[in-house]
Every structure is written in structure tokens, then in C-alpha cells.
N, C-alpha and C. Protein backbone atom coordinates (compact mmCIF):
# COMPACT_ATOMS: atom_id res chain seq x y z
N UNK A 1 8.49 -1.42 -62.89
CA UNK A 1 7.46 -0.84 -62.69
C UNK A 1 6.24 0.37 -63.98
N UNK A 2 5.38 0.33 -64.05
CA UNK A 2 4.66 1.58 -64.37
C UNK A 2 4.60 2.65 -63.99
N UNK A 3 4.62 3.58 -65.45
CA UNK A 3 4.98 5.36 -64.97
C UNK A 3 3.94 5.96 -65.64
N UNK A 4 3.37 7.24 -65.41
CA UNK A 4 2.10 7.61 -65.77
C UNK A 4 2.02 9.06 -66.08
N UNK A 5 3.22 9.86 -66.95
CA UNK A 5 3.43 11.38 -66.64
C UNK A 5 2.36 12.19 -67.32
N UNK A 6 1.64 12.94 -65.75
CA UNK A 6 0.74 13.88 -66.65
C UNK A 6 1.40 15.21 -67.55
N UNK A 7 2.39 15.25 -67.91
CA UNK A 7 2.77 16.59 -67.97
C UNK A 7 2.16 16.97 -69.35
N UNK A 8 2.03 15.99 -70.76
CA UNK A 8 1.79 16.34 -71.82
C UNK A 8 -0.08 16.43 -71.50
N UNK A 9 -0.05 16.10 -70.95
CA UNK A 9 -2.14 16.35 -70.31
C UNK A 9 -2.50 17.55 -69.49
N UNK A 10 -2.03 18.41 -68.40
CA UNK A 10 -1.88 19.21 -67.51
C UNK A 10 -3.28 19.94 -67.82
N UNK A 11 -3.80 20.37 -68.85
CA UNK A 11 -4.42 21.84 -69.69
C UNK A 11 -5.47 20.46 -69.47
N UNK A 12 -6.01 19.57 -70.54
CA UNK A 12 -7.79 18.85 -69.87
C UNK A 12 -7.68 18.11 -69.15
N UNK A 13 -8.64 18.87 -68.20
CA UNK A 13 -9.12 17.98 -67.34
C UNK A 13 -10.08 16.76 -67.53
N UNK A 14 -10.47 16.29 -68.71
CA UNK A 14 -10.96 15.46 -69.04
C UNK A 14 -10.29 14.19 -69.28
N UNK A 15 -8.92 14.68 -69.70
CA UNK A 15 -7.48 13.71 -70.10
C UNK A 15 -7.37 13.23 -69.39
N UNK A 16 -6.94 14.38 -68.52
CA UNK A 16 -6.38 13.46 -66.96
C UNK A 16 -6.87 12.73 -66.24
N UNK A 17 -8.57 13.00 -65.75
CA UNK A 17 -9.78 12.14 -65.58
C UNK A 17 -9.32 10.59 -65.98
N UNK A 18 -9.04 10.68 -67.67
CA UNK A 18 -9.39 9.44 -68.08
C UNK A 18 -7.73 8.38 -67.87
N UNK A 19 -7.00 9.46 -68.23
CA UNK A 19 -5.38 9.16 -68.07
C UNK A 19 -5.68 8.13 -66.60
N UNK A 20 -5.93 9.15 -65.56
CA UNK A 20 -5.34 8.09 -64.13
C UNK A 20 -6.22 6.96 -63.97
N UNK A 21 -7.30 7.12 -64.63
CA UNK A 21 -7.93 6.21 -64.37
C UNK A 21 -7.74 4.72 -64.92
N UNK A 22 -7.48 5.12 -66.42
CA UNK A 22 -7.05 3.98 -67.16
C UNK A 22 -6.15 2.87 -66.49
N UNK A 23 -4.78 4.17 -65.89
CA UNK A 23 -3.73 3.71 -65.23
C UNK A 23 -3.40 3.23 -64.40
N UNK A 24 -4.58 3.90 -63.04
CA UNK A 24 -4.69 2.79 -61.71
C UNK A 24 -5.04 1.21 -62.24
N UNK A 25 -6.07 1.58 -63.16
CA UNK A 25 -6.78 0.22 -63.65
C UNK A 25 -5.92 -0.81 -64.08
N UNK A 26 -5.28 -0.19 -65.00
CA UNK A 26 -3.58 -0.93 -66.12
C UNK A 26 -3.00 -1.85 -64.79
N UNK A 27 -2.56 -1.52 -63.83
CA UNK A 27 -1.37 -1.33 -62.98
C UNK A 27 -2.27 -2.13 -62.01
N UNK A 28 -3.46 -2.40 -61.20
CA UNK A 28 -3.73 -3.06 -60.49
C UNK A 28 -3.82 -4.06 -61.54
N UNK A 29 -4.78 -4.30 -62.87
CA UNK A 29 -4.81 -5.71 -63.02
C UNK A 29 -3.17 -6.81 -63.41
N UNK A 30 -2.51 -5.58 -64.21
CA UNK A 30 -1.20 -6.48 -64.17
C UNK A 30 -0.39 -6.99 -62.96
N UNK A 31 -0.87 -6.70 -61.54
CA UNK A 31 -0.35 -7.14 -60.71
C UNK A 31 1.07 -6.49 -60.11
N UNK A 32 0.99 -5.08 -60.60
CA UNK A 32 2.46 -4.40 -60.39
C UNK A 32 2.30 -4.19 -58.74
N UNK A 33 3.63 -4.73 -58.34
CA UNK A 33 3.73 -4.05 -56.82
C UNK A 33 3.77 -2.24 -56.64
N UNK A 34 4.31 -1.61 -57.12
CA UNK A 34 4.44 -0.42 -57.04
C UNK A 34 4.11 0.42 -58.62
N UNK A 35 3.39 1.46 -58.50
CA UNK A 35 3.57 2.36 -59.96
C UNK A 35 3.65 3.55 -58.79
N UNK A 36 4.26 4.46 -60.40
CA UNK A 36 4.94 5.91 -60.28
C UNK A 36 3.50 6.27 -61.24
N UNK A 37 3.56 7.78 -59.98
CA UNK A 37 2.01 8.97 -61.92
C UNK A 37 2.88 10.33 -61.26
N UNK A 38 3.47 10.67 -62.47
CA UNK A 38 4.32 12.40 -62.20
C UNK A 38 3.24 13.22 -62.47
N UNK A 39 2.61 13.81 -61.82
CA UNK A 39 2.31 15.14 -61.70
C UNK A 39 3.39 16.73 -62.17
N UNK A 40 4.19 16.38 -61.85
CA UNK A 40 5.43 17.56 -62.02
C UNK A 40 5.39 18.17 -60.68
N UNK A 41 6.66 18.67 -60.37
CA UNK A 41 6.17 20.02 -59.06
C UNK A 41 5.44 21.59 -59.40
N UNK A 42 5.82 21.87 -60.36
CA UNK A 42 4.77 23.32 -60.56
C UNK A 42 4.83 23.83 -59.00
N UNK A 43 3.52 24.18 -59.83
CA UNK A 43 2.70 24.90 -58.05
C UNK A 43 1.48 24.10 -56.69
N UNK A 44 1.76 22.57 -58.05
CA UNK A 44 0.87 22.02 -56.87
C UNK A 44 -0.62 21.25 -57.44
N UNK A 45 -0.77 21.97 -58.08
CA UNK A 45 -2.25 21.76 -58.34
C UNK A 45 -2.81 21.01 -58.55
N UNK A 46 -2.13 20.20 -59.79
CA UNK A 46 -1.70 18.83 -60.11
C UNK A 46 -1.76 17.91 -59.45
N UNK A 47 -0.75 17.85 -58.35
CA UNK A 47 -0.61 16.88 -57.43
C UNK A 47 -1.39 17.00 -56.43
N UNK A 48 -1.97 17.81 -56.17
CA UNK A 48 -3.32 18.12 -55.26
C UNK A 48 -4.58 17.34 -56.15
N UNK A 49 -5.31 17.42 -57.35
CA UNK A 49 -6.29 16.80 -58.11
C UNK A 49 -5.46 15.26 -57.91
N UNK A 50 -4.12 15.12 -58.35
CA UNK A 50 -4.26 13.38 -58.24
C UNK A 50 -4.62 13.09 -57.76
N UNK A 51 -3.94 13.42 -55.82
CA UNK A 51 -4.23 13.04 -54.76
C UNK A 51 -5.63 12.59 -54.87
N UNK A 52 -6.44 14.33 -54.81
CA UNK A 52 -7.88 13.83 -54.66
C UNK A 52 -8.27 12.57 -55.48
N UNK A 53 -8.33 12.34 -56.78
CA UNK A 53 -8.36 10.86 -57.54
C UNK A 53 -8.12 9.90 -56.79
N UNK A 54 -6.98 9.60 -56.19
CA UNK A 54 -6.68 8.38 -55.26
C UNK A 54 -7.26 8.41 -54.09
N UNK A 55 -7.77 9.63 -53.88
CA UNK A 55 -8.67 9.06 -52.47
C UNK A 55 -10.16 8.71 -52.63
N UNK A 56 -10.95 8.81 -53.68
CA UNK A 56 -12.06 8.44 -53.81
C UNK A 56 -11.98 7.36 -53.80
N UNK A 57 -13.69 6.94 -53.10
CA UNK A 57 -13.30 5.69 -52.37
C UNK A 57 -13.79 4.69 -52.88
N UNK A 58 -13.93 4.32 -54.81
CA UNK A 58 -14.14 3.33 -55.97
C UNK A 58 -12.35 3.26 -55.89
N UNK A 59 -11.81 3.97 -56.18
CA UNK A 59 -10.71 4.07 -56.68
C UNK A 59 -9.63 3.65 -55.52
N UNK A 60 -10.07 4.32 -54.12
CA UNK A 60 -9.17 4.01 -53.03
C UNK A 60 -8.98 2.23 -52.74
N UNK A 61 -10.38 1.80 -52.76
CA UNK A 61 -10.12 0.02 -52.97
C UNK A 61 -9.64 -0.67 -53.69
N UNK A 62 -8.63 0.29 -54.92
CA UNK A 62 -8.04 -0.62 -55.68
C UNK A 62 -6.70 -0.93 -55.41
N UNK A 63 -5.86 0.01 -54.37
CA UNK A 63 -4.60 0.02 -54.03
C UNK A 63 -4.70 -0.29 -52.56
N UNK A 64 -3.43 -0.29 -51.78
CA UNK A 64 -2.58 -0.52 -50.35
C UNK A 64 -2.59 0.83 -49.43
N UNK A 65 -1.31 1.52 -50.50
CA UNK A 65 -1.45 2.71 -50.19
C UNK A 65 -0.77 3.73 -51.00
N UNK A 66 -0.72 5.22 -51.09
CA UNK A 66 -0.15 5.97 -51.60
C UNK A 66 0.74 6.85 -50.94
N UNK A 67 1.82 7.73 -51.68
CA UNK A 67 2.27 8.90 -51.33
C UNK A 67 3.32 9.05 -52.04
N UNK A 68 3.55 10.60 -51.27
CA UNK A 68 4.48 11.73 -52.22
C UNK A 68 6.09 11.29 -52.06
N UNK A 69 6.72 11.24 -52.75
CA UNK A 69 8.40 10.84 -53.09
C UNK A 69 8.38 11.47 -52.26
N UNK A 70 9.90 11.19 -50.89
CA UNK A 70 10.02 11.95 -50.59
C UNK A 70 11.15 13.10 -51.02
N UNK A 71 11.52 12.64 -51.43
CA UNK A 71 12.57 12.32 -52.68
C UNK A 71 12.95 13.78 -53.56
N UNK A 72 11.28 13.49 -54.03
CA UNK A 72 10.99 14.03 -55.15
C UNK A 72 9.22 14.41 -55.62
N UNK A 73 8.65 15.79 -54.64
CA UNK A 73 7.83 15.96 -54.68
C UNK A 73 6.89 16.04 -55.69
N UNK A 74 6.96 15.83 -57.41
CA UNK A 74 6.68 15.72 -58.72
C UNK A 74 6.49 14.24 -58.85
N UNK A 75 6.56 13.57 -57.86
CA UNK A 75 6.54 12.35 -58.09
C UNK A 75 5.49 11.87 -57.20
N UNK A 76 4.20 10.81 -57.42
CA UNK A 76 3.52 9.64 -56.49
C UNK A 76 3.73 8.37 -57.23
N UNK A 77 3.76 7.39 -55.34
CA UNK A 77 3.37 6.42 -55.49
C UNK A 77 2.51 5.59 -55.20
N UNK A 78 2.35 4.72 -55.93
CA UNK A 78 1.31 4.31 -55.91
C UNK A 78 1.15 2.18 -55.55
N UNK A 79 0.62 2.07 -54.38
CA UNK A 79 1.38 0.53 -53.78
C UNK A 79 -0.07 -0.24 -54.16
N UNK A 80 0.09 -1.30 -54.60
CA UNK A 80 -1.17 -2.15 -54.70
C UNK A 80 -0.35 -3.33 -54.09
N UNK A 81 -1.48 -4.65 -54.38
CA UNK A 81 -1.32 -5.92 -52.91
C UNK A 81 -0.60 -6.37 -54.57
């Protein structure tokens, strides 16, 4: 399973956006069935930002569904076909 940890990037908005975009395209092209994005628990602002990114129409077309891990709210799973 591919994984992206956003902890080192949490202060730079441009780097977060770029890392998310590259990660989603790479996971989709690699044929991964599921990939994880780790925004961390914290205040939830980074998680909300990641979810908003994933909900953009052009990004939404790349995956089947996404969910916040029920056992760990600091982890987002993205499922591809």
C-alpha cells in the first residue's frame, strides 16, 4: 500500500497541494487498490484540507471512494479501481 505522510509539509500550503496531487496520480497510475494519506490527528484542519482536495471534481474522477479510517482519525484511505 502506498502511503503519504503530510507531517513534514503541514506548514506549506503549496507543498501540501503538490504532494497530494502527485501522490494521487502516482497511486492511480501504479494500479494500487488502496492508498493512505496521513494528515495526523491534530486539530483536524489538515484532514479537512485533504478531504476538500480529494472532493474536487477532477481529482474525484481518479478514485472510487475515500474514507477516514474508523480506528484512526489521522488516516485517510483512498480506494482506486
